[in-house]
Structure formats: structure tokens, C-alpha cells
Amino acid sequence: MHANRSKNLTSSDPNINAFILPQAFNTALTVFHPEHSYNPEDKFLGGIGVLRRTYGFRKEPFASEQRLSGMYASILHRTN
């Protein structure tokens, strides 16, 4: 009846359907790392951060990445 309404969109390129696993395949990677900084107003800042990376099908180099970090200033400021 409606044979002309659908289109064949398949590709003849075999790389389209290829799935290459990352070197060390992992569904998620979570890493904690130190943070440090310096500026004249706050002096030294230190803290910790976390990085989370997930992998997925046909997502190169990764599907998603989130970063979160917190820092602490070594100087206490007073405002009058």
C-alpha cells in the first residue's frame, strides 16, 4: 500500500557499525585528585576534586564526564 513512504538509510560503510572498546574497558571511572592554587587575596588554596567518566556505545572518547572540586583558603578574611 504505502511502499514509497519508507526510505532505506543504511550505510555501506562498515565503520558505521564498528564498536571499538576503550583500551581498559570500564563502564565508569571515578578518580579523586588534589587541587591547589594561589592568589594574592586568598593566599594558598587547597582541596580535593573528583572526576567521573562513563563510556557508551559509539561514544568516543567517552560518553560523559563530570568534575567536582572544593577548595579551602588558608587565610581568614574579616570585613568591617
Foldseek 3Di string as FASTA:
>chain_A
DPVPPDDDPDDPDPVVPDWDAPPPHDQKDKDKDKDWDADPPLGIKIWMKMKMFGADGPDPPGDDIDIDIDIDGPDDDDDD
